[in-house]
């Protein structure tokens, strides 16, 4: 389950990254406040992806190094909680829902 969740979550983050870049690209076609809004929203999405990827990389390292047992499954729970934001997306499994 963990590998499937990590793979699925990585794809959701990639989709979010592409949306952020698209919004920033669209911003150039719009004047004033609308363009600034799209730029800021795109910047936020890109920064959000970077932050979530950092958290996921740290969680993956805990799992790889065997520290997951000492943290009572915290790294897996972190993945589940991050995935919850994308629960309405295709491919989300109820078994990934945090308990």
PDB file of N, CA and C in Angstrom:
ATOM      1  N   UNK A   1       0.808  -1.194   0.000  1.00  0.00           N
ATOM      2  CA  UNK A   1       0.000   0.000   0.000  1.00  0.00           C
ATOM      3  C   UNK A   1       0.855   1.264   0.000  1.00  0.00           C
ATOM      4  N   UNK A   2       1.909   1.279   0.756  1.00  0.00           N
ATOM      5  CA  UNK A   2       2.724   2.478   0.884  1.00  0.00           C
ATOM      6  C   UNK A   2       3.306   2.910  -0.454  1.00  0.00           C
ATOM      7  N   UNK A   3       3.821   1.953  -1.238  1.00  0.00           N
ATOM      8  CA  UNK A   3       4.391   2.315  -2.535  1.00  0.00           C
ATOM      9  C   UNK A   3       3.328   2.857  -3.475  1.00  0.00           C
ATOM     10  N   UNK A   4       2.145   2.246  -3.480  1.00  0.00           N
ATOM     11  CA  UNK A   4       1.059   2.735  -4.317  1.00  0.00           C
ATOM     12  C   UNK A   4       0.650   4.143  -3.905  1.00  0.00           C
ATOM     13  N   UNK A   5       0.549   4.369  -2.622  1.00  0.00           N
ATOM     14  CA  UNK A   5       0.181   5.688  -2.115  1.00  0.00           C
ATOM     15  C   UNK A   5       1.237   6.716  -2.499  1.00  0.00           C
ATOM     16  N   UNK A   6       2.502   6.383  -2.320  1.00  0.00           N
ATOM     17  CA  UNK A   6       3.580   7.314  -2.656  1.00  0.00           C
ATOM     18  C   UNK A   6       3.567   7.648  -4.145  1.00  0.00           C
ATOM     19  N   UNK A   7       3.362   6.648  -4.981  1.00  0.00           N
ATOM     20  CA  UNK A   7       3.327   6.864  -6.425  1.00  0.00           C
ATOM     21  C   UNK A   7       2.139   7.726  -6.812  1.00  0.00           C
ATOM     22  N   UNK A   8       0.971   7.406  -6.259  1.00  0.00           N
ATOM     23  CA  UNK A   8      -0.237   8.164  -6.570  1.00  0.00           C
ATOM     24  C   UNK A   8      -0.101   9.609  -6.096  1.00  0.00           C
ATOM     25  N   UNK A   9       0.409   9.795  -4.891  1.00  0.00           N
ATOM     26  CA  UNK A   9       0.566  11.132  -4.339  1.00  0.00           C
ATOM     27  C   UNK A   9       1.569  11.944  -5.148  1.00  0.00           C
ATOM     28  N   UNK A  10       2.630  11.306  -5.594  1.00  0.00           N
ATOM     29  CA  UNK A  10       3.606  11.991  -6.438  1.00  0.00           C
ATOM     30  C   UNK A  10       2.943  12.502  -7.721  1.00  0.00           C
ATOM     31  N   UNK A  11       2.053  11.712  -8.301  1.00  0.00           N
ATOM     32  CA  UNK A  11       1.352  12.142  -9.513  1.00  0.00           C
ATOM     33  C   UNK A  11       0.420  13.317  -9.227  1.00  0.00           C
ATOM     34  N   UNK A  12      -0.233  13.311  -8.081  1.00  0.00           N
ATOM     35  CA  UNK A  12      -1.104  14.433  -7.725  1.00  0.00           C
ATOM     36  C   UNK A  12      -0.288  15.716  -7.567  1.00  0.00           C
ATOM     37  N   UNK A  13       0.871  15.598  -6.969  1.00  0.00           N
ATOM     38  CA  UNK A  13       1.733  16.767  -6.806  1.00  0.00           C
ATOM     39  C   UNK A  13       2.247  17.262  -8.155  1.00  0.00           C
ATOM     40  N   UNK A  14       2.549  16.354  -9.047  1.00  0.00           N
ATOM     41  CA  UNK A  14       2.976  16.763 -10.391  1.00  0.00           C
ATOM     42  C   UNK A  14       1.841  17.490 -11.104  1.00  0.00           C
ATOM     43  N   UNK A  15       0.615  16.996 -10.957  1.00  0.00           N
ATOM     44  CA  UNK A  15      -0.541  17.677 -11.548  1.00  0.00           C
ATOM     45  C   UNK A  15      -0.700  19.083 -10.963  1.00  0.00           C
ATOM     46  N   UNK A  16      -0.496  19.209  -9.663  1.00  0.00           N
ATOM     47  CA  UNK A  16      -0.592  20.508  -9.009  1.00  0.00           C
ATOM     48  C   UNK A  16       0.507  21.441  -9.512  1.00  0.00           C
ATOM     49  N   UNK A  17       1.704  20.914  -9.694  1.00  0.00           N
ATOM     50  CA  UNK A  17       2.817  21.717 -10.213  1.00  0.00           C
ATOM     51  C   UNK A  17       2.482  22.245 -11.605  1.00  0.00           C
ATOM     52  N   UNK A  18       1.924  21.379 -12.449  1.00  0.00           N
ATOM     53  CA  UNK A  18       1.559  21.793 -13.804  1.00  0.00           C
ATOM     54  C   UNK A  18       0.465  22.867 -13.777  1.00  0.00           C
ATOM     55  N   UNK A  19      -0.476  22.748 -12.867  1.00  0.00           N
ATOM     56  CA  UNK A  19      -1.522  23.770 -12.731  1.00  0.00           C
ATOM     57  C   UNK A  19      -0.906  25.105 -12.325  1.00  0.00           C
ATOM     58  N   UNK A  20       0.027  25.064 -11.403  1.00  0.00           N
ATOM     59  CA  UNK A  20       0.694  26.293 -10.975  1.00  0.00           C
ATOM     60  C   UNK A  20       1.422  26.967 -12.118  1.00  0.00           C
ATOM     61  N   UNK A  21       2.138  26.185 -12.899  1.00  0.00           N
ATOM     62  CA  UNK A  21       2.864  26.746 -14.046  1.00  0.00           C
ATOM     63  C   UNK A  21       1.897  27.287 -15.096  1.00  0.00           C
ATOM     64  N   UNK A  22       0.789  26.583 -15.296  1.00  0.00           N
ATOM     65  CA  UNK A  22      -0.214  27.035 -16.256  1.00  0.00           C
ATOM     66  C   UNK A  22      -0.823  28.364 -15.823  1.00  0.00           C
ATOM     67  N   UNK A  23      -1.157  28.483 -14.543  1.00  0.00           N
ATOM     68  CA  UNK A  23      -1.718  29.740 -14.048  1.00  0.00           C
ATOM     69  C   UNK A  23      -0.741  30.896 -14.238  1.00  0.00           C
ATOM     70  N   UNK A  24       0.509  30.645 -13.941  1.00  0.00           N
ATOM     71  CA  UNK A  24       1.513  31.696 -14.117  1.00  0.00           C
ATOM     72  C   UNK A  24       1.636  32.086 -15.586  1.00  0.00           C
ATOM     73  N   UNK A  25       1.544  31.108 -16.478  1.00  0.00           N
ATOM     74  CA  UNK A  25       1.600  31.402 -17.908  1.00  0.00           C
ATOM     75  C   UNK A  25       0.390  32.191 -18.373  1.00  0.00           C
ATOM     76  N   UNK A  26      -0.769  31.873 -17.857  1.00  0.00           N
ATOM     77  CA  UNK A  26      -1.998  32.588 -18.219  1.00  0.00           C
ATOM     78  C   UNK A  26      -1.990  34.023 -17.695  1.00  0.00           C
ATOM     79  N   UNK A  27      -1.279  34.253 -16.620  1.00  0.00           N
ATOM     80  CA  UNK A  27      -1.270  35.573 -15.992  1.00  0.00           C
ATOM     81  C   UNK A  27      -0.766  36.656 -16.937  1.00  0.00           C
ATOM     82  N   UNK A  28       0.119  36.297 -17.838  1.00  0.00           N
ATOM     83  CA  UNK A  28       0.682  37.295 -18.756  1.00  0.00           C
ATOM     84  C   UNK A  28      -0.369  37.839 -19.718  1.00  0.00           C
ATOM     85  N   UNK A  29      -1.441  37.098 -19.939  1.00  0.00           N
ATOM     86  CA  UNK A  29      -2.482  37.521 -20.876  1.00  0.00           C
ATOM     87  C   UNK A  29      -3.545  38.392 -20.209  1.00  0.00           C
ATOM     88  N   UNK A  30      -3.480  38.511 -18.893  1.00  0.00           N
ATOM     89  CA  UNK A  30      -4.509  39.263 -18.188  1.00  0.00           C
ATOM     90  C   UNK A  30      -3.940  40.538 -17.578  1.00  0.00           C
ATOM     91  N   UNK A  31      -4.722  41.599 -17.619  1.00  0.00           N
ATOM     92  CA  UNK A  31      -4.231  42.866 -17.074  1.00  0.00           C
ATOM     93  C   UNK A  31      -4.396  42.964 -15.556  1.00  0.00           C
ATOM     94  N   UNK A  32      -3.595  43.783 -14.963  1.00  0.00           N
ATOM     95  CA  UNK A  32      -3.754  44.219 -13.584  1.00  0.00           C
ATOM     96  C   UNK A  32      -3.934  43.144 -12.533  1.00  0.00           C
ATOM     97  N   UNK A  33      -4.971  43.342 -11.745  1.00  0.00           N
ATOM     98  CA  UNK A  33      -5.212  42.504 -10.566  1.00  0.00           C
ATOM     99  C   UNK A  33      -5.439  41.044 -10.940  1.00  0.00           C
ATOM    100  N   UNK A  34      -6.111  40.786 -12.035  1.00  0.00           N
ATOM    101  CA  UNK A  34      -6.357  39.396 -12.452  1.00  0.00           C
ATOM    102  C   UNK A  34      -5.036  38.683 -12.731  1.00  0.00           C
ATOM    103  N   UNK A  35      -4.140  39.338 -13.416  1.00  0.00           N
ATOM    104  CA  UNK A  35      -2.832  38.753 -13.701  1.00  0.00           C
ATOM    105  C   UNK A  35      -2.029  38.524 -12.434  1.00  0.00           C
ATOM    106  N   UNK A  36      -2.081  39.494 -11.525  1.00  0.00           N
ATOM    107  CA  UNK A  36      -1.360  39.341 -10.248  1.00  0.00           C
ATOM    108  C   UNK A  36      -1.934  38.181  -9.440  1.00  0.00           C
ATOM    109  N   UNK A  37      -3.256  38.042  -9.448  1.00  0.00           N
ATOM    110  CA  UNK A  37      -3.896  36.946  -8.726  1.00  0.00           C
ATOM    111  C   UNK A  37      -3.438  35.594  -9.266  1.00  0.00           C
ATOM    112  N   UNK A  38      -3.436  35.451 -10.582  1.00  0.00           N
ATOM    113  CA  UNK A  38      -2.998  34.176 -11.172  1.00  0.00           C
ATOM    114  C   UNK A  38      -1.527  33.911 -10.886  1.00  0.00           C
ATOM    115  N   UNK A  39      -0.706  34.943 -10.933  1.00  0.00           N
ATOM    116  CA  UNK A  39       0.716  34.774 -10.629  1.00  0.00           C
ATOM    117  C   UNK A  39       0.902  34.327  -9.181  1.00  0.00           C
ATOM    118  N   UNK A  40       0.226  35.003  -8.263  1.00  0.00           N
ATOM    119  CA  UNK A  40       0.358  34.655  -6.847  1.00  0.00           C
ATOM    120  C   UNK A  40      -0.176  33.252  -6.567  1.00  0.00           C
ATOM    121  N   UNK A  41      -1.284  32.896  -7.193  1.00  0.00           N
ATOM    122  CA  UNK A  41      -1.851  31.559  -7.000  1.00  0.00           C
ATOM    123  C   UNK A  41      -0.914  30.508  -7.569  1.00  0.00           C
ATOM    124  N   UNK A  42      -0.363  30.766  -8.749  1.00  0.00           N
ATOM    125  CA  UNK A  42       0.602  29.838  -9.338  1.00  0.00           C
ATOM    126  C   UNK A  42       1.833  29.691  -8.461  1.00  0.00           C
ATOM    127  N   UNK A  43       2.341  30.810  -7.954  1.00  0.00           N
ATOM    128  CA  UNK A  43       3.500  30.759  -7.055  1.00  0.00           C
ATOM    129  C   UNK A  43       3.189  29.935  -5.809  1.00  0.00           C
ATOM    130  N   UNK A  44       1.990  30.137  -5.247  1.00  0.00           N
ATOM    131  CA  UNK A  44       1.596  29.378  -4.065  1.00  0.00           C
ATOM    132  C   UNK A  44       1.560  27.883  -4.366  1.00  0.00           C
ATOM    133  N   UNK A  45       0.936  27.502  -5.474  1.00  0.00           N
ATOM    134  CA  UNK A  45       0.857  26.081  -5.819  1.00  0.00           C
ATOM    135  C   UNK A  45       2.247  25.468  -5.982  1.00  0.00           C
ATOM    136  N   UNK A  46       3.140  26.183  -6.627  1.00  0.00           N
ATOM    137  CA  UNK A  46       4.501  25.662  -6.810  1.00  0.00           C
ATOM    138  C   UNK A  46       5.236  25.526  -5.478  1.00  0.00           C
ATOM    139  N   UNK A  47       5.090  26.518  -4.607  1.00  0.00           N
ATOM    140  CA  UNK A  47       5.732  26.444  -3.289  1.00  0.00           C
ATOM    141  C   UNK A  47       5.117  25.328  -2.448  1.00  0.00           C
ATOM    142  N   UNK A  48       3.805  25.135  -2.564  1.00  0.00           N
ATOM    143  CA  UNK A  48       3.117  24.078  -1.831  1.00  0.00           C
ATOM    144  C   UNK A  48       3.628  22.705  -2.264  1.00  0.00           C
ATOM    145  N   UNK A  49       3.801  22.531  -3.557  1.00  0.00           N
ATOM    146  CA  UNK A  49       4.341  21.261  -4.070  1.00  0.00           C
ATOM    147  C   UNK A  49       5.740  21.028  -3.520  1.00  0.00           C
ATOM    148  N   UNK A  50       6.583  22.052  -3.560  1.00  0.00           N
ATOM    149  CA  UNK A  50       7.947  21.900  -3.043  1.00  0.00           C
ATOM    150  C   UNK A  50       7.943  21.521  -1.563  1.00  0.00           C
ATOM    151  N   UNK A  51       7.092  22.158  -0.776  1.00  0.00           N
ATOM    152  CA  UNK A  51       7.026  21.857   0.653  1.00  0.00           C
ATOM    153  C   UNK A  51       6.544  20.424   0.889  1.00  0.00           C
ATOM    154  N   UNK A  52       5.512  20.026   0.175  1.00  0.00           N
ATOM    155  CA  UNK A  52       4.990  18.668   0.350  1.00  0.00           C
ATOM    156  C   UNK A  52       5.999  17.626  -0.107  1.00  0.00           C
ATOM    157  N   UNK A  53       6.708  17.901  -1.188  1.00  0.00           N
ATOM    158  CA  UNK A  53       7.733  16.945  -1.640  1.00  0.00           C
ATOM    159  C   UNK A  53       8.843  16.809  -0.599  1.00  0.00           C
ATOM    160  N   UNK A  54       9.202  17.896   0.064  1.00  0.00           N
ATOM    161  CA  UNK A  54      10.224  17.831   1.121  1.00  0.00           C
ATOM    162  C   UNK A  54       9.753  16.953   2.269  1.00  0.00           C
ATOM    163  N   UNK A  55       8.504  17.134   2.673  1.00  0.00           N
ATOM    164  CA  UNK A  55       7.944  16.314   3.748  1.00  0.00           C
ATOM    165  C   UNK A  55       7.930  14.845   3.330  1.00  0.00           C
ATOM    166  N   UNK A  56       7.496  14.579   2.106  1.00  0.00           N
ATOM    167  CA  UNK A  56       7.432  13.198   1.622  1.00  0.00           C
ATOM    168  C   UNK A  56       8.817  12.576   1.495  1.00  0.00           C
ATOM    169  N   UNK A  57       9.802  13.353   1.076  1.00  0.00           N
ATOM    170  CA  UNK A  57      11.170  12.835   0.996  1.00  0.00           C
ATOM    171  C   UNK A  57      11.693  12.461   2.378  1.00  0.00           C
ATOM    172  N   UNK A  58      11.407  13.299   3.371  1.00  0.00           N
ATOM    173  CA  UNK A  58      11.809  12.978   4.738  1.00  0.00           C
ATOM    174  C   UNK A  58      11.103  11.718   5.233  1.00  0.00           C
ATOM    175  N   UNK A  59       9.808  11.606   4.939  1.00  0.00           N
ATOM    176  CA  UNK A  59       9.053  10.421   5.358  1.00  0.00           C
ATOM    177  C   UNK A  59       9.621   9.163   4.692  1.00  0.00           C
ATOM    178  N   UNK A  60       9.943   9.261   3.414  1.00  0.00           N
ATOM    179  CA  UNK A  60      10.504   8.109   2.698  1.00  0.00           C
ATOM    180  C   UNK A  60      11.842   7.697   3.296  1.00  0.00           C
ATOM    181  N   UNK A  61      12.626   8.679   3.717  1.00  0.00           N
ATOM    182  CA  UNK A  61      13.917   8.354   4.336  1.00  0.00           C
ATOM    183  C   UNK A  61      13.722   7.616   5.658  1.00  0.00           C
ATOM    184  N   UNK A  62      12.751   8.038   6.455  1.00  0.00           N
ATOM    185  CA  UNK A  62      12.435   7.319   7.697  1.00  0.00           C
ATOM    186  C   UNK A  62      12.084   5.867   7.403  1.00  0.00           C
ATOM    187  N   UNK A  63      11.277   5.666   6.393  1.00  0.00           N
ATOM    188  CA  UNK A  63      10.859   4.307   6.039  1.00  0.00           C
ATOM    189  C   UNK A  63      12.049   3.490   5.569  1.00  0.00           C
ATOM    190  N   UNK A  64      12.867   4.074   4.688  1.00  0.00           N
ATOM    191  CA  UNK A  64      14.041   3.358   4.163  1.00  0.00           C
ATOM    192  C   UNK A  64      15.030   2.996   5.259  1.00  0.00           C
ATOM    193  N   UNK A  65      15.196   3.882   6.230  1.00  0.00           N
ATOM    194  CA  UNK A  65      16.191   3.666   7.284  1.00  0.00           C
ATOM    195  C   UNK A  65      15.666   2.851   8.456  1.00  0.00           C
ATOM    196  N   UNK A  66      14.424   2.389   8.356  1.00  0.00           N
ATOM    197  CA  UNK A  66      13.884   1.546   9.410  1.00  0.00           C
ATOM    198  C   UNK A  66      13.406   2.306  10.633  1.00  0.00           C
ATOM    199  N   UNK A  67      13.406   3.624  10.574  1.00  0.00           N
ATOM    200  CA  UNK A  67      12.972   4.415  11.719  1.00  0.00           C
ATOM    201  C   UNK A  67      11.448   4.431  11.850  1.00  0.00           C
ATOM    202  N   UNK A  68      10.760   3.955  10.845  1.00  0.00           N
ATOM    203  CA  UNK A  68       9.297   3.986  10.846  1.00  0.00           C
ATOM    204  C   UNK A  68       8.723   3.232  12.048  1.00  0.00           C
ATOM    205  N   UNK A  69       9.321   2.120  12.409  1.00  0.00           N
ATOM    206  CA  UNK A  69       8.825   1.348  13.557  1.00  0.00           C
ATOM    207  C   UNK A  69       8.936   2.166  14.848  1.00  0.00           C
ATOM    208  N   UNK A  70      10.008   2.909  14.990  1.00  0.00           N
ATOM    209  CA  UNK A  70      10.220   3.707  16.200  1.00  0.00           C
ATOM    210  C   UNK A  70       9.254   4.893  16.290  1.00  0.00           C
ATOM    211  N   UNK A  71       8.728   5.326  15.150  1.00  0.00           N
ATOM    212  CA  UNK A  71       7.806   6.469  15.152  1.00  0.00           C
ATOM    213  C   UNK A  71       6.358   6.012  15.083  1.00  0.00           C
ATOM    214  N   UNK A  72       6.120   4.730  15.278  1.00  0.00           N
ATOM    215  CA  UNK A  72       4.765   4.183  15.297  1.00  0.00           C
ATOM    216  C   UNK A  72       3.999   4.481  14.008  1.00  0.00           C
ATOM    217  N   UNK A  73       4.694   4.363  12.873  1.00  0.00           N
ATOM    218  CA  UNK A  73       4.033   4.536  11.582  1.00  0.00           C
ATOM    219  C   UNK A  73       3.767   5.977  11.184  1.00  0.00           C
ATOM    220  N   UNK A  74       4.466   6.915  11.797  1.00  0.00           N
ATOM    221  CA  UNK A  74       4.203   8.329  11.527  1.00  0.00           C
ATOM    222  C   UNK A  74       4.433   8.697  10.061  1.00  0.00           C
ATOM    223  N   UNK A  75       5.457   8.173   9.435  1.00  0.00           N
ATOM    224  CA  UNK A  75       5.743   8.532   8.043  1.00  0.00           C
ATOM    225  C   UNK A  75       4.597   8.116   7.127  1.00  0.00           C
ATOM    226  N   UNK A  76       4.046   6.949   7.347  1.00  0.00           N
ATOM    227  CA  UNK A  76       2.912   6.499   6.535  1.00  0.00           C
ATOM    228  C   UNK A  76       1.699   7.384   6.820  1.00  0.00           C
ATOM    229  N   UNK A  77       1.476   7.729   8.069  1.00  0.00           N
ATOM    230  CA  UNK A  77       0.335   8.595   8.400  1.00  0.00           C
ATOM    231  C   UNK A  77       0.493   9.978   7.774  1.00  0.00           C
ATOM    232  N   UNK A  78       1.710  10.479   7.709  1.00  0.00           N
ATOM    233  CA  UNK A  78       1.952  11.768   7.048  1.00  0.00           C
ATOM    234  C   UNK A  78       1.530  11.679   5.589  1.00  0.00           C
ATOM    235  N   UNK A  79       1.920  10.604   4.913  1.00  0.00           N
ATOM    236  CA  UNK A  79       1.515  10.415   3.513  1.00  0.00           C
ATOM    237  C   UNK A  79      -0.003  10.369   3.393  1.00  0.00           C
ATOM    238  N   UNK A  80      -0.641   9.641   4.301  1.00  0.00           N
ATOM    239  CA  UNK A  80      -2.105   9.528   4.244  1.00  0.00           C
ATOM    240  C   UNK A  80      -2.767  10.896   4.416  1.00  0.00           C
ATOM    241  N   UNK A  81      -2.253  11.691   5.336  1.00  0.00           N
ATOM    242  CA  UNK A  81      -2.841  13.013   5.571  1.00  0.00           C
ATOM    243  C   UNK A  81      -2.613  13.945   4.379  1.00  0.00           C
ATOM    244  N   UNK A  82      -1.438  13.898   3.786  1.00  0.00           N
ATOM    245  CA  UNK A  82      -1.191  14.728   2.608  1.00  0.00           C
ATOM    246  C   UNK A  82      -2.070  14.299   1.433  1.00  0.00           C
ATOM    247  N   UNK A  83      -2.282  12.998   1.294  1.00  0.00           N
ATOM    248  CA  UNK A  83      -3.114  12.486   0.197  1.00  0.00           C
ATOM    249  C   UNK A  83      -4.573  12.870   0.372  1.00  0.00           C
ATOM    250  N   UNK A  84      -5.000  13.082   1.595  1.00  0.00           N
ATOM    251  CA  UNK A  84      -6.392  13.411   1.864  1.00  0.00           C
ATOM    252  C   UNK A  84      -6.840  14.675   1.123  1.00  0.00           C
ATOM    253  N   UNK A  85      -5.934  15.599   0.907  1.00  0.00           N
ATOM    254  CA  UNK A  85      -6.266  16.818   0.164  1.00  0.00           C
ATOM    255  C   UNK A  85      -6.681  16.515  -1.276  1.00  0.00           C
ATOM    256  N   UNK A  86      -6.309  15.344  -1.774  1.00  0.00           N
ATOM    257  CA  UNK A  86      -6.601  14.953  -3.155  1.00  0.00           C
ATOM    258  C   UNK A  86      -7.606  13.804  -3.216  1.00  0.00           C
ATOM    259  N   UNK A  87      -8.351  13.598  -2.144  1.00  0.00           N
ATOM    260  CA  UNK A  87      -9.250  12.447  -2.042  1.00  0.00           C
ATOM    261  C   UNK A  87     -10.326  12.418  -3.123  1.00  0.00           C
ATOM    262  N   UNK A  88     -10.659  13.552  -3.683  1.00  0.00           N
ATOM    263  CA  UNK A  88     -11.679  13.597  -4.736  1.00  0.00           C
ATOM    264  C   UNK A  88     -11.109  13.273  -6.120  1.00  0.00           C
ATOM    265  N   UNK A  89      -9.808  13.104  -6.205  1.00  0.00           N
ATOM    266  CA  UNK A  89      -9.173  12.814  -7.486  1.00  0.00           C
ATOM    267  C   UNK A  89      -9.278  11.329  -7.817  1.00  0.00           C
ATOM    268  N   UNK A  90      -9.270  11.046  -9.098  1.00  0.00           N
ATOM    269  CA  UNK A  90      -9.346   9.661  -9.557  1.00  0.00           C
ATOM    270  C   UNK A  90      -8.169   8.851  -9.004  1.00  0.00           C
ATOM    271  N   UNK A  91      -8.480   7.662  -8.553  1.00  0.00           N
ATOM    272  CA  UNK A  91      -7.448   6.757  -8.074  1.00  0.00           C
ATOM    273  C   UNK A  91      -7.267   6.738  -6.568  1.00  0.00           C
ATOM    274  N   UNK A  92      -7.883   7.695  -5.859  1.00  0.00           N
ATOM    275  CA  UNK A  92      -7.753   7.709  -4.404  1.00  0.00           C
ATOM    276  C   UNK A  92      -8.450   6.472  -3.837  1.00  0.00           C
ATOM    277  N   UNK A  93      -7.807   5.826  -2.877  1.00  0.00           N
ATOM    278  CA  UNK A  93      -8.357   4.621  -2.246  1.00  0.00           C
ATOM    279  C   UNK A  93      -8.780   4.932  -0.813  1.00  0.00           C
ATOM    280  N   UNK A  94      -9.931   4.444  -0.456  1.00  0.00           N
ATOM    281  CA  UNK A  94     -10.430   4.658   0.909  1.00  0.00           C
ATOM    282  C   UNK A  94      -9.475   4.068   1.950  1.00  0.00           C
ATOM    283  N   UNK A  95      -8.737   3.037   1.595  1.00  0.00           N
ATOM    284  CA  UNK A  95      -7.793   2.439   2.549  1.00  0.00           C
ATOM    285  C   UNK A  95      -6.667   3.405   2.918  1.00  0.00           C
ATOM    286  N   UNK A  96      -6.486   4.467   2.140  1.00  0.00           N
ATOM    287  CA  UNK A  96      -5.466   5.467   2.438  1.00  0.00           C
ATOM    288  C   UNK A  96      -5.983   6.523   3.393  1.00  0.00           C
ATOM    289  N   UNK A  97      -7.281   6.556   3.662  1.00  0.00           N
ATOM    290  CA  UNK A  97      -7.858   7.592   4.526  1.00  0.00           C
ATOM    291  C   UNK A  97      -7.298   7.414   5.937  1.00  0.00           C
ATOM    292  N   UNK A  98      -6.812   8.526   6.522  1.00  0.00           N
ATOM    293  CA  UNK A  98      -6.284   8.431   7.893  1.00  0.00           C
ATOM    294  C   UNK A  98      -7.345   7.959   8.870  1.00  0.00           C
ATOM    295  N   UNK A  99      -6.909   7.208   9.856  1.00  0.00           N
ATOM    296  CA  UNK A  99      -7.853   6.671  10.847  1.00  0.00           C
ATOM    297  C   UNK A  99      -7.877   7.487  12.105  1.00  0.00           C
TER     298      UNK A  99
END
